[in-house]
C-alpha cells in the first residue's frame, strides 16, 4: 500500500525495525464474520434497535477514526467490500476488486442515515473518483452504499445538493452503489489510530497525505452532520406555510375532471378499490402518506403494517386531527368511515382488529385516495416538520 511507503519514509529513522511491530489489540470485539445487515446491540443492559451503513472514503484508518467520533455512532469497523472474492485480506483485497470501507452502527432515533452520509462526505475528498489523496486506485475511491430505493434517493439527492451549493471546485465523483457483503479487516487495522506505535504512524500518514488540509480548506470548522445552506428543520417548520392549509375543495365537475374514474368514485362517492390493486399496499419505504387532493399529511410509514387484506393499513393517523370518523351503515352493518379532515375525502374505514401491541386499530385505506411522499422529498415538498414522525 502506497500510504505505508509515505509513513515509513518519515519515521523509519526513528523507529527502524519497530515499525514492523503490528498492533494486535482487539478493541470491543470489532472483527467477526462477514456482516451486511442491521444488528441489535446491548446498551446499559437494555436491547436497543440499531442500524448499519457502509461507506468508503479512502484510507479506512482515517474514515473509521473520524466516524467513531460522531455522536450517536455506536461503532465503526474497518473492512473490505465490493469485490468478487470471499474472505479478502490486507494482502489480496485489491486484487479481488474490493475497496477499503467502514461499516457504521448507529442509533437511527438519534442520528439519521443522511446525517452520517453528510459527515462522511465532509471528511473525505468526494471529488476524486480515482483514489484518495496519496493513495491511488479504485480500492481508495469514495463510495456510499444503499440497501433500498429510499436510501438510494437520499444519497442521490445529497450529492445533487452538494454539487449545486457546496464548496468544491469540481463535481462530486463519489459512487452510489448497492450495498455488498462486508468483510471485516484484520484485528490490527481496527482502531489503528489509538495504538501507541500505530497511532503515531497514523498521524504521520494523515498529515502527510493532505487529508486534514483538504477538509479545512473546503469546510473550515463546519464539519457537523448538516449542510449550512439548508434551514434547520425547526426553523423551516416555523416559517413555512403548510401547502394544504389554504385548500378549498373544488366543485364536483372540477374534481371529476381532475381525478381518474376510480379515484373519483372512492374519494367522492365512498367507493372501494379492489383488494391488492394499490402499489401502496406493499410500499414500506420511509415517508408520509398525504391526501391525494389537498396534500394534507394523513399517515406515517412508521405506523404502516402488512394486514394481509390487500389494502394499505396503518395503526393510527399521523395525528388525531388529520382525519374525521363517521358512522357508516351502508353494508347492513355498522362500520366507522375515515375521511380526511381538510379535504373531506373518503379514505376508507377503521376496524378494531389491528396489532394489539400497537393499539389494536387497523386503518384500512384506499391507495387511490393517498399520495406517498418519500423521506428524501419531504423537506422540499413542505413536510419537513413531519420527519420526526418517521
Protein backbone atom coordinates (compact mmCIF):
# COMPACT_ATOMS: atom_id res chain seq x y z
CA UNK A 1 0.00 0.00 0.00
CA UNK A 2 1.35 3.38 -1.00
CA UNK A 3 0.47 5.06 2.26
CA UNK A 4 2.85 2.69 4.03
CA UNK A 5 5.71 3.92 1.82
CA UNK A 6 4.95 7.51 2.80
CA UNK A 7 4.82 6.74 6.50
CA UNK A 8 7.88 4.53 6.61
CA UNK A 9 9.96 7.17 4.86
CA UNK A 10 9.09 9.66 7.58
CA UNK A 11 9.51 7.56 10.69
CA UNK A 12 11.95 4.80 9.76
CA UNK A 13 14.92 6.73 11.11
CA UNK A 14 13.17 6.99 14.47
CA UNK A 15 11.70 3.59 14.91
CA UNK A 16 13.59 1.35 12.49
CA UNK A 17 12.56 -2.21 12.95
CA UNK A 18 9.86 -1.24 15.45
CA UNK A 19 7.59 -0.28 12.55
CA UNK A 20 7.33 -3.98 11.77
CA UNK A 21 5.53 -4.44 15.08
CA UNK A 22 1.84 -4.95 14.41
CA UNK A 23 -0.96 -3.66 16.50
CA UNK A 24 -2.96 -6.72 17.51
CA UNK A 25 -5.16 -5.36 20.31
CA UNK A 26 -8.73 -6.39 19.63
CA UNK A 27 -10.95 -3.45 20.55
CA UNK A 28 -14.58 -4.13 21.51
CA UNK A 29 -14.53 -7.43 19.57
CA UNK A 30 -14.75 -5.42 16.35
CA UNK A 31 -13.83 -8.14 13.86
CA UNK A 32 -16.07 -11.11 13.22
CA UNK A 33 -17.78 -12.99 10.38
CA UNK A 34 -18.93 -11.15 7.22
CA UNK A 35 -21.67 -8.62 8.01
CA UNK A 36 -24.21 -6.94 5.75
CA UNK A 37 -27.41 -6.19 7.69
CA UNK A 38 -28.67 -4.20 10.68
CA UNK A 39 -27.97 -5.56 14.15
CA UNK A 40 -29.13 -5.22 17.75
CA UNK A 41 -26.72 -4.00 20.37
CA UNK A 42 -26.89 -4.33 24.15
CA UNK A 43 -26.62 -0.92 25.81
CA UNK A 44 -26.95 -0.39 29.57
CA UNK A 45 -28.45 -3.88 29.84
CA UNK A 46 -31.31 -2.94 27.52
CA UNK A 47 -31.74 -4.06 23.92
CA UNK A 48 -31.62 -1.09 21.56
CA UNK A 49 -32.51 -1.45 17.87
CA UNK A 50 -29.65 -0.24 15.72
CA UNK A 51 -28.90 0.12 12.03
CA UNK A 52 -25.74 -0.14 9.98
CA UNK A 53 -24.48 1.60 6.87
CA UNK A 54 -21.42 1.16 4.68
CA UNK A 55 -19.18 3.82 3.15
CA UNK A 56 -15.77 4.32 1.61
CA UNK A 57 -13.60 7.41 1.74
CA UNK A 58 -10.06 6.31 1.11
CA UNK A 59 -7.83 5.01 3.90
CA UNK A 60 -10.09 3.15 6.30
CA UNK A 61 -7.90 4.12 9.25
CA UNK A 62 -8.97 7.74 8.69
CA UNK A 63 -12.63 7.07 7.89
CA UNK A 64 -13.02 4.91 10.99
CA UNK A 65 -11.25 7.44 13.22
CA UNK A 66 -13.50 10.30 12.03
CA UNK A 67 -16.80 8.41 12.16
CA UNK A 68 -16.17 6.93 15.61
CA UNK A 69 -16.08 10.47 16.97
CA UNK A 70 -19.54 11.35 15.62
CA UNK A 71 -22.12 11.38 18.45
CA UNK A 72 -24.69 8.55 18.31
CA UNK A 73 -22.44 6.39 16.15
CA UNK A 74 -22.05 3.25 18.24
CA UNK A 75 -19.16 1.65 16.37
CA UNK A 76 -17.09 1.91 13.21
CA UNK A 77 -15.37 -1.20 11.80
CA UNK A 78 -12.74 -1.16 9.06
CA UNK A 79 -13.03 -3.75 6.30
CA UNK A 80 -13.29 -4.64 2.63
CA UNK A 81 -16.26 -4.76 0.25
CA UNK A 82 -17.37 -4.63 -3.35
CA UNK A 83 -15.03 -7.18 -4.91
CA UNK A 84 -15.51 -10.62 -6.40
CA UNK A 85 -13.57 -12.70 -3.86
CA UNK A 86 -14.53 -14.11 -0.46
CA UNK A 87 -12.57 -13.58 2.74
CA UNK A 88 -10.30 -10.82 1.39
CA UNK A 89 -7.22 -9.89 3.38
CA UNK A 90 -4.99 -6.85 3.53
CA UNK A 91 -2.58 -8.62 1.19
CA UNK A 92 -5.09 -9.51 -1.55
CA UNK A 93 -8.23 -7.33 -1.28
CA UNK A 94 -7.17 -5.06 -4.14
CA UNK A 95 -6.58 -7.98 -6.48
CA UNK A 96 -10.15 -9.10 -5.73
CA UNK A 97 -11.58 -5.69 -6.66
CA UNK A 98 -12.53 -4.67 -3.13
CA UNK A 99 -12.49 -1.19 -1.62
CA UNK A 100 -11.35 -0.20 1.84
CA UNK A 101 -14.65 0.53 3.60
CA UNK A 102 -16.04 1.16 7.06
CA UNK A 103 -19.26 -0.25 8.49
CA UNK A 104 -21.08 2.13 10.82
CA UNK A 105 -23.51 1.02 13.52
CA UNK A 106 -25.74 3.82 14.76
CA UNK A 107 -28.90 4.68 16.66
CA UNK A 108 -31.43 5.79 13.99
CA UNK A 109 -33.63 7.52 16.58
CA UNK A 110 -30.79 9.93 17.37
CA UNK A 111 -28.95 10.35 14.06
CA UNK A 112 -30.12 9.69 10.51
CA UNK A 113 -28.63 7.83 7.55
CA UNK A 114 -28.42 11.17 5.71
CA UNK A 115 -26.60 12.95 8.56
CA UNK A 116 -23.94 10.25 8.67
CA UNK A 117 -23.51 10.48 4.91
CA UNK A 118 -23.05 14.27 5.14
CA UNK A 119 -20.46 13.89 7.90
CA UNK A 120 -18.58 11.25 5.91
CA UNK A 121 -18.54 13.37 2.74
CA UNK A 122 -17.13 16.30 4.70
CA UNK A 123 -14.25 14.11 5.92
CA UNK A 124 -13.03 12.78 2.56
CA UNK A 125 -12.33 14.05 -0.95
CA UNK A 126 -15.58 13.15 -2.73
CA UNK A 127 -14.43 14.82 -5.97
CA UNK A 128 -11.69 12.28 -6.72
CA UNK A 129 -13.09 9.07 -8.17
CA UNK A 130 -9.64 7.64 -8.94
CA UNK A 131 -8.38 7.35 -5.38
CA UNK A 132 -7.97 9.31 -2.20
CA UNK A 133 -5.16 11.80 -1.55
CA UNK A 134 -1.85 9.89 -1.58
CA UNK A 135 -3.46 6.50 -2.27
CA UNK A 136 -4.46 5.84 -5.87
CA UNK A 137 -6.73 3.31 -7.49
CA UNK A 138 -10.29 2.01 -7.22
CA UNK A 139 -9.58 0.48 -3.80
CA UNK A 140 -9.47 4.01 -2.35
CA UNK A 141 -12.23 5.66 -4.37
CA UNK A 142 -15.12 7.26 -2.45
CA UNK A 143 -18.42 5.38 -2.31
CA UNK A 144 -21.72 5.46 -0.40
CA UNK A 145 -23.84 2.31 -0.30
CA UNK A 146 -27.61 1.88 -0.09
CA UNK A 147 -29.87 -1.01 0.91
CA UNK A 148 -33.14 0.14 -0.66
CA UNK A 149 -34.62 2.72 -3.03
CA UNK A 150 -35.26 5.19 -0.19
CA UNK A 151 -31.59 5.21 0.84
CA UNK A 152 -30.52 5.45 -2.82
CA UNK A 153 -32.73 8.53 -3.27
CA UNK A 154 -31.33 10.11 -0.10
CA UNK A 155 -27.76 9.70 -1.35
CA UNK A 156 -28.54 10.84 -4.92
CA UNK A 157 -30.34 13.92 -3.61
CA UNK A 158 -27.49 14.68 -1.22
CA UNK A 159 -24.86 14.54 -3.95
CA UNK A 160 -27.02 16.80 -6.11
CA UNK A 161 -27.45 19.45 -3.41
CA UNK A 162 -23.73 19.49 -2.58
CA UNK A 163 -22.91 19.83 -6.28
CA UNK A 164 -25.30 22.78 -6.51
CA UNK A 165 -24.39 24.55 -3.26
CA UNK A 166 -21.19 23.05 -1.91
CA UNK A 167 -17.65 24.34 -1.59
CA UNK A 168 -15.91 22.22 -4.22
CA UNK A 169 -14.44 23.44 -7.49
CA UNK A 170 -15.19 20.08 -9.15
CA UNK A 171 -18.37 17.97 -9.19
CA UNK A 172 -18.62 15.08 -6.75
CA UNK A 173 -17.30 11.77 -8.08
CA UNK A 174 -18.50 9.62 -5.20
CA UNK A 175 -20.02 6.31 -6.33
CA UNK A 176 -23.54 5.45 -5.13
CA UNK A 177 -23.78 1.67 -5.11
CA UNK A 178 -25.94 -1.21 -3.83
CA UNK A 179 -24.60 -2.43 -0.53
CA UNK A 180 -22.34 -5.51 -0.91
CA UNK A 181 -21.15 -8.06 1.65
CA UNK A 182 -18.86 -6.51 4.25
CA UNK A 183 -15.70 -8.35 5.28
CA UNK A 184 -14.08 -7.00 8.50
CA UNK A 185 -10.39 -6.25 8.23
CA UNK A 186 -7.74 -7.83 10.42
CA UNK A 187 -7.61 -7.00 14.12
CA UNK A 188 -4.60 -4.72 13.84
CA UNK A 189 -6.45 -2.38 11.46
CA UNK A 190 -9.25 -1.77 13.97
CA UNK A 191 -8.85 1.46 15.97
CA UNK A 192 -5.45 1.86 14.34
CA UNK A 193 -5.27 5.48 15.38
CA UNK A 194 -5.46 4.55 19.08
CA UNK A 195 -2.32 2.41 19.28
CA UNK A 196 0.95 3.67 20.68
CA UNK A 197 3.12 3.00 17.63
CA UNK A 198 0.34 2.62 15.08
CA UNK A 199 -1.25 5.85 16.33
CA UNK A 200 1.90 7.79 15.60
CA UNK A 201 2.18 6.11 12.22
CA UNK A 202 -1.44 7.04 11.54
CA UNK A 203 -0.85 10.71 12.44
CA UNK A 204 2.17 10.93 10.14
CA UNK A 205 0.17 9.35 7.34
CA UNK A 206 -2.86 11.57 7.84
CA UNK A 207 -0.82 14.78 7.91
CA UNK A 208 1.41 13.78 5.04
CA UNK A 209 -1.48 12.72 2.80
CA UNK A 210 -3.04 16.20 2.92
CA UNK A 211 -6.40 14.94 4.18
CA UNK A 212 -6.81 17.42 7.03
CA UNK A 213 -5.62 20.32 4.89
CA UNK A 214 -8.21 19.48 2.25
CA UNK A 215 -11.04 19.25 4.81
CA UNK A 216 -10.09 22.56 6.43
CA UNK A 217 -9.83 24.30 3.05
CA UNK A 218 -13.34 23.36 2.00
CA UNK A 219 -15.27 23.17 5.27
CA UNK A 220 -13.21 25.04 7.87
CA UNK A 221 -14.74 24.31 11.25
CA UNK A 222 -18.09 23.37 9.71
CA UNK A 223 -17.75 19.59 9.89
CA UNK A 224 -21.08 18.87 11.59
CA UNK A 225 -23.50 16.35 10.02
CA UNK A 226 -25.56 19.12 8.42
CA UNK A 227 -25.37 21.45 5.43
CA UNK A 228 -25.16 25.14 6.27
CA UNK A 229 -27.33 26.24 3.34
CA UNK A 230 -30.26 24.09 4.50
CA UNK A 231 -32.57 25.56 7.09
CA UNK A 232 -32.78 23.99 10.49
CA UNK A 233 -35.92 21.79 10.42
CA UNK A 234 -37.46 23.64 13.37
CA UNK A 235 -36.83 26.99 11.70
CA UNK A 236 -38.21 25.77 8.39
CA UNK A 237 -41.32 24.43 10.07
CA UNK A 238 -41.88 27.71 11.92
CA UNK A 239 -41.57 29.88 8.83
CA UNK A 240 -43.20 27.72 6.18
CA UNK A 241 -46.86 27.67 5.19
CA UNK A 242 -48.29 24.18 5.01
CA UNK A 243 -49.37 23.58 1.39
CA UNK A 244 -52.77 22.20 2.45
CA UNK A 245 -53.75 24.96 4.92
CA UNK A 246 -55.41 27.17 2.31
CA UNK A 247 -57.01 24.32 0.39
CA UNK A 248 -60.52 24.95 -0.90
CA UNK A 249 -62.36 21.98 -2.28
CA UNK A 250 -63.42 22.40 -5.95
CA UNK A 251 -66.91 21.62 -7.17
CA UNK A 252 -67.88 18.13 -8.31
CA UNK A 253 -67.37 18.83 -12.02
CA UNK A 254 -63.82 20.10 -11.44
CA UNK A 255 -62.99 17.14 -9.23
CA UNK A 256 -64.34 14.68 -11.76
CA UNK A 257 -62.21 16.27 -14.46
CA UNK A 258 -59.05 16.23 -12.34
CA UNK A 259 -59.30 12.68 -10.92
CA UNK A 260 -59.36 9.36 -12.72
CA UNK A 261 -62.58 7.38 -12.56
CA UNK A 262 -61.57 5.13 -9.66
CA UNK A 263 -60.07 7.91 -7.54
CA UNK A 264 -63.22 10.00 -8.00
CA UNK A 265 -65.51 7.08 -7.15
CA UNK A 266 -63.53 6.26 -4.00
CA UNK A 267 -62.92 9.76 -2.63
CA UNK A 268 -66.18 11.46 -3.63
CA UNK A 269 -68.69 8.59 -3.81
CA UNK A 270 -67.34 6.48 -0.94
CA UNK A 271 -66.34 3.61 -3.17
CA UNK A 272 -63.69 0.94 -2.55
CA UNK A 273 -60.79 -0.09 -4.74
CA UNK A 274 -60.29 -3.79 -5.40
CA UNK A 275 -58.03 -5.51 -2.84
CA UNK A 276 -54.41 -5.95 -3.91
CA UNK A 277 -54.54 -3.35 -6.68
CA UNK A 278 -52.79 -0.46 -4.94
CA UNK A 279 -48.97 -0.37 -5.12
CA UNK A 280 -49.07 1.31 -1.70
CA UNK A 281 -50.20 -1.97 -0.14
CA UNK A 282 -46.61 -3.23 -0.48
CA UNK A 283 -44.86 0.13 -0.08
CA UNK A 284 -42.72 0.17 3.07
CA UNK A 285 -40.28 2.98 2.36
CA UNK A 286 -39.87 5.78 4.89
CA UNK A 287 -42.12 8.75 4.23
CA UNK A 288 -45.67 10.04 4.72
CA UNK A 289 -49.00 9.46 3.02
CA UNK A 290 -51.00 12.57 2.18
CA UNK A 291 -54.47 13.31 0.82
CA UNK A 292 -54.45 12.98 -2.96
CA UNK A 293 -56.22 16.34 -3.42
CA UNK A 294 -55.23 18.67 -0.59
CA UNK A 295 -51.84 17.21 0.25
CA UNK A 296 -52.64 17.23 3.97
CA UNK A 297 -50.48 14.68 5.88
CA UNK A 298 -52.51 11.66 6.99
CA UNK A 299 -50.31 8.68 7.86
CA UNK A 300 -46.64 7.99 8.55
CA UNK A 301 -44.72 4.99 7.28
CA UNK A 302 -43.88 4.32 10.92
CA UNK A 303 -47.49 3.27 11.55
CA UNK A 304 -47.84 1.16 8.40
CA UNK A 305 -48.13 -2.62 8.66
CA UNK A 306 -49.00 -5.62 6.49
CA UNK A 307 -52.58 -6.51 7.36
CA UNK A 308 -52.83 -9.20 4.69
CA UNK A 309 -56.06 -7.65 3.41
CA UNK A 310 -54.69 -6.16 0.19
CA UNK A 311 -55.27 -2.56 1.28
CA UNK A 312 -52.69 -0.13 2.74
CA UNK A 313 -53.12 -0.38 6.52
CA UNK A 314 -51.96 1.77 9.43
CA UNK A 315 -52.26 1.54 13.20
CA UNK A 316 -53.01 5.26 13.62
CA UNK A 317 -53.12 8.55 11.69
CA UNK A 318 -50.15 10.88 11.84
CA UNK A 319 -52.19 12.90 14.36
CA UNK A 320 -55.79 12.54 15.51
CA UNK A 321 -56.89 15.86 13.99
CA UNK A 322 -55.87 14.83 10.46
CA UNK A 323 -58.89 12.55 9.98
CA UNK A 324 -62.55 12.56 10.93
CA UNK A 325 -64.60 9.46 11.83
CA UNK A 326 -68.21 8.85 10.79
CA UNK A 327 -70.79 6.11 11.35
CA UNK A 328 -71.38 4.07 8.19
CA UNK A 329 -74.38 1.67 7.91
CA UNK A 330 -74.37 1.15 4.17
CA UNK A 331 -73.48 -2.58 4.08
CA UNK A 332 -76.11 -3.83 6.55
CA UNK A 333 -73.63 -3.42 9.39
CA UNK A 334 -72.19 -0.53 11.30
CA UNK A 335 -68.66 0.48 10.32
CA UNK A 336 -66.53 3.54 11.05
CA UNK A 337 -65.70 5.59 7.98
CA UNK A 338 -62.44 7.61 7.83
CA UNK A 339 -62.30 10.92 5.94
CA UNK A 340 -59.52 13.48 5.55
CA UNK A 341 -60.09 16.44 7.85
CA UNK A 342 -59.29 19.29 5.45
CA UNK A 343 -60.41 17.97 2.05
CA UNK A 344 -63.25 15.81 3.47
CA UNK A 345 -62.42 12.95 1.10
CA UNK A 346 -63.43 9.38 1.79
CA UNK A 347 -60.29 7.36 2.66
CA UNK A 348 -61.56 4.03 3.97
CA UNK A 349 -62.60 2.54 7.31
CA UNK A 350 -61.07 1.78 10.70
CA UNK A 351 -61.52 -1.62 12.34
CA UNK A 352 -60.66 -2.88 15.87
CA UNK A 353 -58.59 -5.83 14.59
CA UNK A 354 -55.15 -4.28 14.25
CA UNK A 355 -51.97 -5.38 16.07
CA UNK A 356 -52.83 -5.46 19.78
CA UNK A 357 -49.31 -4.42 20.75
CA UNK A 358 -49.72 -1.26 18.64
CA UNK A 359 -53.14 -0.13 19.86
CA UNK A 360 -55.41 -2.67 18.18
CA UNK A 361 -56.66 -0.44 15.36
CA UNK A 362 -56.50 -1.07 11.60
CA UNK A 363 -56.97 2.00 9.43
CA UNK A 364 -57.80 0.26 6.16
CA UNK A 365 -57.22 2.84 3.43
CA UNK A 366 -57.79 3.04 -0.31
CA UNK A 367 -54.46 3.65 -2.04
CA UNK A 368 -56.06 5.84 -4.72
CA UNK A 369 -57.07 8.31 -2.02
CA UNK A 370 -53.45 8.77 -0.96
CA UNK A 371 -50.15 10.07 -2.31
CA UNK A 372 -46.83 8.86 -0.89
CA UNK A 373 -44.05 11.39 -0.20
CA UNK A 374 -40.65 9.63 0.26
CA UNK A 375 -38.45 10.82 3.11
CA UNK A 376 -35.90 12.29 0.69
CA UNK A 377 -38.54 14.58 -0.83
CA UNK A 378 -40.34 15.68 2.34
CA UNK A 379 -38.26 18.80 3.01
CA UNK A 380 -38.59 20.28 -0.46
CA UNK A 381 -42.28 19.29 -0.62
CA UNK A 382 -43.05 21.27 2.57
CA UNK A 383 -43.30 18.41 5.08
CA UNK A 384 -40.05 18.92 6.98
CA UNK A 385 -41.81 19.09 10.36
CA UNK A 386 -43.08 15.55 9.85
CA UNK A 387 -39.64 13.99 9.52
CA UNK A 388 -39.74 13.43 13.27
CA UNK A 389 -42.75 11.14 12.83
CA UNK A 390 -40.92 8.60 10.66
